PDB file of N, CA and C in Angstrom:
ATOM      1  N   MET A   1       2.554  -4.548  17.967  1.00  0.00           N
ATOM      2  CA  MET A   1       1.176  -4.755  17.585  1.00  0.00           C
ATOM      3  C   MET A   1       0.521  -3.463  17.139  1.00  0.00           C
ATOM      4  N   GLY A   2       1.271  -2.610  16.540  1.00  0.00           N
ATOM      5  CA  GLY A   2       0.700  -1.361  16.060  1.00  0.00           C
ATOM      6  C   GLY A   2       0.572  -1.363  14.550  1.00  0.00           C
ATOM      7  N   ARG A   3       0.470  -0.184  14.009  1.00  0.00           N
ATOM      8  CA  ARG A   3       0.309  -0.047  12.561  1.00  0.00           C
ATOM      9  C   ARG A   3       1.554  -0.483  11.787  1.00  0.00           C
ATOM     10  N   MET A   4       2.707  -0.358  12.370  1.00  0.00           N
ATOM     11  CA  MET A   4       3.953  -0.609  11.652  1.00  0.00           C
ATOM     12  C   MET A   4       4.224  -2.097  11.424  1.00  0.00           C
ATOM     13  N   ASN A   5       3.494  -2.985  12.051  1.00  0.00           N
ATOM     14  CA  ASN A   5       3.761  -4.410  11.922  1.00  0.00           C
ATOM     15  C   ASN A   5       3.176  -5.025  10.658  1.00  0.00           C
ATOM     16  N   HIS A   6       2.390  -4.295   9.907  1.00  0.00           N
ATOM     17  CA  HIS A   6       1.695  -4.881   8.762  1.00  0.00           C
ATOM     18  C   HIS A   6       2.508  -4.805   7.469  1.00  0.00           C
ATOM     19  N   GLY A   7       3.431  -3.910   7.361  1.00  0.00           N
ATOM     20  CA  GLY A   7       4.251  -3.808   6.161  1.00  0.00           C
ATOM     21  C   GLY A   7       3.499  -3.155   5.006  1.00  0.00           C
ATOM     22  N   HIS A   8       4.140  -3.139   3.846  1.00  0.00           N
ATOM     23  CA  HIS A   8       3.537  -2.523   2.664  1.00  0.00           C
ATOM     24  C   HIS A   8       2.686  -3.546   1.938  1.00  0.00           C
ATOM     25  N   LYS A   9       1.568  -3.088   1.414  1.00  0.00           N
ATOM     26  CA  LYS A   9       0.702  -3.972   0.648  1.00  0.00           C
ATOM     27  C   LYS A   9       0.932  -3.725  -0.834  1.00  0.00           C
ATOM     28  N   GLY A  10       0.862  -4.767  -1.609  1.00  0.00           N
ATOM     29  CA  GLY A  10       1.010  -4.642  -3.050  1.00  0.00           C
ATOM     30  C   GLY A  10       2.466  -4.613  -3.470  1.00  0.00           C
ATOM     31  N   ASN A  11       2.653  -4.488  -4.749  1.00  0.00           N
ATOM     32  CA  ASN A  11       3.995  -4.456  -5.316  1.00  0.00           C
ATOM     33  C   ASN A  11       4.386  -3.010  -5.563  1.00  0.00           C
ATOM     34  N   ASN A  12       5.424  -2.545  -4.908  1.00  0.00           N
ATOM     35  CA  ASN A  12       5.868  -1.163  -5.073  1.00  0.00           C
ATOM     36  C   ASN A  12       6.764  -0.988  -6.292  1.00  0.00           C
ATOM     37  N   HIS A  13       7.077  -2.068  -6.992  1.00  0.00           N
ATOM     38  CA  HIS A  13       7.971  -1.995  -8.140  1.00  0.00           C
ATOM     39  C   HIS A  13       7.210  -1.958  -9.461  1.00  0.00           C
ATOM     40  N   LYS A  14       5.908  -1.808  -9.440  1.00  0.00           N
ATOM     41  CA  LYS A  14       5.106  -1.795 -10.657  1.00  0.00           C
ATOM     42  C   LYS A  14       5.293  -0.511 -11.456  1.00  0.00           C
ATOM     43  N   LYS A  15       5.580   0.568 -10.766  1.00  0.00           N
ATOM     44  CA  LYS A  15       5.698   1.851 -11.442  1.00  0.00           C
ATOM     45  C   LYS A  15       6.976   1.876 -12.268  1.00  0.00           C
ATOM     46  N   LYS A  16       6.828   2.177 -13.558  1.00  0.00           N
ATOM     47  CA  LYS A  16       7.987   2.244 -14.441  1.00  0.00           C
ATOM     48  C   LYS A  16       7.970   3.580 -15.162  1.00  0.00           C
ATOM     49  N   ILE A  17       9.123   4.056 -15.500  1.00  0.00           N
ATOM     50  CA  ILE A  17       9.236   5.286 -16.267  1.00  0.00           C
ATOM     51  C   ILE A  17       9.056   4.929 -17.735  1.00  0.00           C
ATOM     52  N   SER A  18       8.269   5.714 -18.429  1.00  0.00           N
ATOM     53  CA  SER A  18       8.041   5.495 -19.846  1.00  0.00           C
ATOM     54  C   SER A  18       9.356   5.609 -20.610  1.00  0.00           C
ATOM     55  N   GLN A  19       9.563   4.718 -21.559  1.00  0.00           N
ATOM     56  CA  GLN A  19      10.810   4.719 -22.309  1.00  0.00           C
ATOM     57  C   GLN A  19      10.773   5.641 -23.521  1.00  0.00           C
ATOM     58  N   ASP A  20       9.571   6.019 -24.001  1.00  0.00           N
ATOM     59  CA  ASP A  20       9.532   6.918 -25.147  1.00  0.00           C
ATOM     60  C   ASP A  20       9.221   8.332 -24.708  1.00  0.00           C
ATOM     61  N   PRO A  21       9.944   9.285 -25.235  1.00  0.00           N
ATOM     62  CA  PRO A  21       9.629  10.677 -24.931  1.00  0.00           C
ATOM     63  C   PRO A  21       8.299  11.068 -25.574  1.00  0.00           C
ATOM     64  N   HIS A  22       7.657  12.081 -25.026  1.00  0.00           N
ATOM     65  CA  HIS A  22       6.346  12.487 -25.525  1.00  0.00           C
ATOM     66  C   HIS A  22       6.411  13.065 -26.925  1.00  0.00           C
ATOM     67  N   GLN A  23       7.540  13.590 -27.341  1.00  0.00           N
ATOM     68  CA  GLN A  23       7.635  14.229 -28.638  1.00  0.00           C
ATOM     69  C   GLN A  23       8.312  13.335 -29.665  1.00  0.00           C
ATOM     70  N   ALA A  24       8.253  12.036 -29.471  1.00  0.00           N
ATOM     71  CA  ALA A  24       8.911  11.124 -30.400  1.00  0.00           C
ATOM     72  C   ALA A  24       8.241  11.134 -31.769  1.00  0.00           C
ATOM     73  N   ALA A  25       6.968  11.470 -31.824  1.00  0.00           N
ATOM     74  CA  ALA A  25       6.228  11.442 -33.084  1.00  0.00           C
ATOM     75  C   ALA A  25       6.520  12.650 -33.955  1.00  0.00           C
ATOM     76  N   GLY A  26       7.297  13.592 -33.512  1.00  0.00           N
ATOM     77  CA  GLY A  26       7.584  14.787 -34.296  1.00  0.00           C
ATOM     78  C   GLY A  26       6.618  15.903 -33.948  1.00  0.00           C
ATOM     79  N   LEU A  27       6.310  16.722 -34.926  1.00  0.00           N
ATOM     80  CA  LEU A  27       5.449  17.875 -34.696  1.00  0.00           C
ATOM     81  C   LEU A  27       3.996  17.530 -34.991  1.00  0.00           C
ATOM     82  N   SER A  28       3.077  18.158 -34.284  1.00  0.00           N
ATOM     83  CA  SER A  28       1.663  17.972 -34.571  1.00  0.00           C
ATOM     84  C   SER A  28       1.292  18.820 -35.786  1.00  0.00           C
ATOM     85  N   ASN A  29       0.122  18.554 -36.350  1.00  0.00           N
ATOM     86  CA  ASN A  29      -0.320  19.314 -37.527  1.00  0.00           C
ATOM     87  C   ASN A  29      -0.473  20.791 -37.209  1.00  0.00           C
ATOM     88  N   GLU A  30      -0.904  21.088 -36.008  1.00  0.00           N
ATOM     89  CA  GLU A  30      -1.065  22.484 -35.594  1.00  0.00           C
ATOM     90  C   GLU A  30       0.289  23.202 -35.564  1.00  0.00           C
ATOM     91  N   GLU A  31       1.306  22.528 -35.066  1.00  0.00           N
ATOM     92  CA  GLU A  31       2.646  23.117 -35.024  1.00  0.00           C
ATOM     93  C   GLU A  31       3.220  23.297 -36.425  1.00  0.00           C
ATOM     94  N   VAL A  32       2.905  22.365 -37.336  1.00  0.00           N
ATOM     95  CA  VAL A  32       3.385  22.479 -38.714  1.00  0.00           C
ATOM     96  C   VAL A  32       2.743  23.679 -39.398  1.00  0.00           C
ATOM     97  N   GLU A  33       1.427  23.856 -39.199  1.00  0.00           N
ATOM     98  CA  GLU A  33       0.738  25.003 -39.799  1.00  0.00           C
ATOM     99  C   GLU A  33       1.302  26.316 -39.273  1.00  0.00           C
ATOM    100  N   LEU A  34       1.545  26.383 -37.989  1.00  0.00           N
ATOM    101  CA  LEU A  34       2.092  27.597 -37.393  1.00  0.00           C
ATOM    102  C   LEU A  34       3.485  27.885 -37.938  1.00  0.00           C
ATOM    103  N   SER A  35       4.294  26.850 -38.088  1.00  0.00           N
ATOM    104  CA  SER A  35       5.650  27.075 -38.594  1.00  0.00           C
ATOM    105  C   SER A  35       5.641  27.469 -40.065  1.00  0.00           C
ATOM    106  N   LYS A  36       4.639  27.006 -40.820  1.00  0.00           N
ATOM    107  CA  LYS A  36       4.529  27.434 -42.218  1.00  0.00           C
ATOM    108  C   LYS A  36       4.154  28.907 -42.305  1.00  0.00           C
ATOM    109  N   GLU A  37       3.311  29.362 -41.375  1.00  0.00           N
ATOM    110  CA  GLU A  37       2.946  30.782 -41.344  1.00  0.00           C
ATOM    111  C   GLU A  37       4.152  31.642 -40.972  1.00  0.00           C
ATOM    112  N   LEU A  38       5.017  31.113 -40.151  1.00  0.00           N
ATOM    113  CA  LEU A  38       6.193  31.856 -39.705  1.00  0.00           C
ATOM    114  C   LEU A  38       7.429  31.484 -40.524  1.00  0.00           C
ATOM    115  N   ASP A  39       7.210  31.163 -41.798  1.00  0.00           N
ATOM    116  CA  ASP A  39       8.295  30.693 -42.657  1.00  0.00           C
ATOM    117  C   ASP A  39       9.397  31.729 -42.837  1.00  0.00           C
ATOM    118  N   GLU A  40       9.078  32.989 -42.660  1.00  0.00           N
ATOM    119  CA  GLU A  40      10.096  34.032 -42.791  1.00  0.00           C
ATOM    120  C   GLU A  40      11.129  33.930 -41.676  1.00  0.00           C
ATOM    121  N   THR A  41      10.710  33.420 -40.524  1.00  0.00           N
ATOM    122  CA  THR A  41      11.586  33.356 -39.361  1.00  0.00           C
ATOM    123  C   THR A  41      12.141  31.955 -39.123  1.00  0.00           C
ATOM    124  N   TYR A  42      11.342  30.929 -39.454  1.00  0.00           N
ATOM    125  CA  TYR A  42      11.717  29.556 -39.132  1.00  0.00           C
ATOM    126  C   TYR A  42      11.835  28.697 -40.381  1.00  0.00           C
ATOM    127  N   GLN A  43      12.592  27.616 -40.265  1.00  0.00           N
ATOM    128  CA  GLN A  43      12.764  26.661 -41.350  1.00  0.00           C
ATOM    129  C   GLN A  43      12.376  25.278 -40.828  1.00  0.00           C
ATOM    130  N   ILE A  44      11.541  24.550 -41.573  1.00  0.00           N
ATOM    131  CA  ILE A  44      11.090  23.225 -41.157  1.00  0.00           C
ATOM    132  C   ILE A  44      12.146  22.197 -41.539  1.00  0.00           C
ATOM    133  N   GLU A  45      12.508  21.341 -40.593  1.00  0.00           N
ATOM    134  CA  GLU A  45      13.465  20.267 -40.856  1.00  0.00           C
ATOM    135  C   GLU A  45      12.691  19.007 -41.221  1.00  0.00           C
ATOM    136  N   GLU A  46      13.020  18.417 -42.357  1.00  0.00           N
ATOM    137  CA  GLU A  46      12.388  17.166 -42.768  1.00  0.00           C
ATOM    138  C   GLU A  46      13.456  16.213 -43.268  1.00  0.00           C
ATOM    139  N   ARG A  47      13.272  14.938 -42.958  1.00  0.00           N
ATOM    140  CA  ARG A  47      14.155  13.912 -43.490  1.00  0.00           C
ATOM    141  C   ARG A  47      13.372  13.130 -44.537  1.00  0.00           C
ATOM    142  N   PRO A  48      14.020  12.605 -45.566  1.00  0.00           N
ATOM    143  CA  PRO A  48      13.310  11.840 -46.591  1.00  0.00           C
ATOM    144  C   PRO A  48      12.592  10.640 -45.985  1.00  0.00           C
ATOM    145  N   GLY A  49      11.327  10.483 -46.325  1.00  0.00           N
ATOM    146  CA  GLY A  49      10.544   9.362 -45.819  1.00  0.00           C
ATOM    147  C   GLY A  49       9.873   9.618 -44.488  1.00  0.00           C
ATOM    148  N   PHE A  50      10.107  10.768 -43.876  1.00  0.00           N
ATOM    149  CA  PHE A  50       9.507  11.107 -42.588  1.00  0.00           C
ATOM    150  C   PHE A  50       8.763  12.425 -42.718  1.00  0.00           C
ATOM    151  N   GLY A  51       7.899  12.696 -41.773  1.00  0.00           N
ATOM    152  CA  GLY A  51       7.231  13.989 -41.713  1.00  0.00           C
ATOM    153  C   GLY A  51       8.168  15.030 -41.139  1.00  0.00           C
ATOM    154  N   PRO A  52       7.661  16.212 -40.905  1.00  0.00           N
ATOM    155  CA  PRO A  52       8.489  17.256 -40.287  1.00  0.00           C
ATOM    156  C   PRO A  52       8.988  16.798 -38.920  1.00  0.00           C
ATOM    157  N   THR A  53      10.282  16.952 -38.677  1.00  0.00           N
ATOM    158  CA  THR A  53      10.854  16.475 -37.417  1.00  0.00           C
ATOM    159  C   THR A  53      11.323  17.598 -36.513  1.00  0.00           C
ATOM    160  N   GLY A  54      11.392  18.813 -37.019  1.00  0.00           N
ATOM    161  CA  GLY A  54      11.852  19.906 -36.175  1.00  0.00           C
ATOM    162  C   GLY A  54      11.727  21.241 -36.877  1.00  0.00           C
ATOM    163  N   VAL A  55      11.990  22.283 -36.136  1.00  0.00           N
ATOM    164  CA  VAL A  55      11.931  23.644 -36.664  1.00  0.00           C
ATOM    165  C   VAL A  55      13.200  24.364 -36.231  1.00  0.00           C
ATOM    166  N   LYS A  56      13.866  25.017 -37.184  1.00  0.00           N
ATOM    167  CA  LYS A  56      15.067  25.796 -36.883  1.00  0.00           C
ATOM    168  C   LYS A  56      14.798  27.255 -37.186  1.00  0.00           C
ATOM    169  N   ARG A  57      15.377  28.128 -36.408  1.00  0.00           N
ATOM    170  CA  ARG A  57      15.262  29.562 -36.646  1.00  0.00           C
ATOM    171  C   ARG A  57      16.286  29.955 -37.705  1.00  0.00           C
ATOM    172  N   LYS A  58      15.829  30.685 -38.721  1.00  0.00           N
ATOM    173  CA  LYS A  58      16.730  31.146 -39.773  1.00  0.00           C
ATOM    174  C   LYS A  58      17.610  32.255 -39.231  1.00  0.00           C
ATOM    175  N   SER A  59      18.848  32.286 -39.700  1.00  0.00           N
ATOM    176  CA  SER A  59      19.743  33.356 -39.268  1.00  0.00           C
ATOM    177  C   SER A  59      19.384  34.638 -40.004  1.00  0.00           C
ATOM    178  N   LYS A  60      19.580  35.752 -39.330  1.00  0.00           N
ATOM    179  CA  LYS A  60      19.181  37.039 -39.909  1.00  0.00           C
ATOM    180  C   LYS A  60      20.190  37.567 -40.862  1.00  0.00           C
TER     181      LYS A  60
END
């Protein structure tokens, strides 16, 4: 007849892990502008029909 007899309230299985990663949309406009300024060091990766999807460092 103590606290332990009541069990858990609610559904504990409601919490789910998000299936999409936070960076699925590619780069933000701010990141694109920064990478354009640093064009001497970095190269923007783009696929046809999509926006910028990544940034690679150019080899020296």
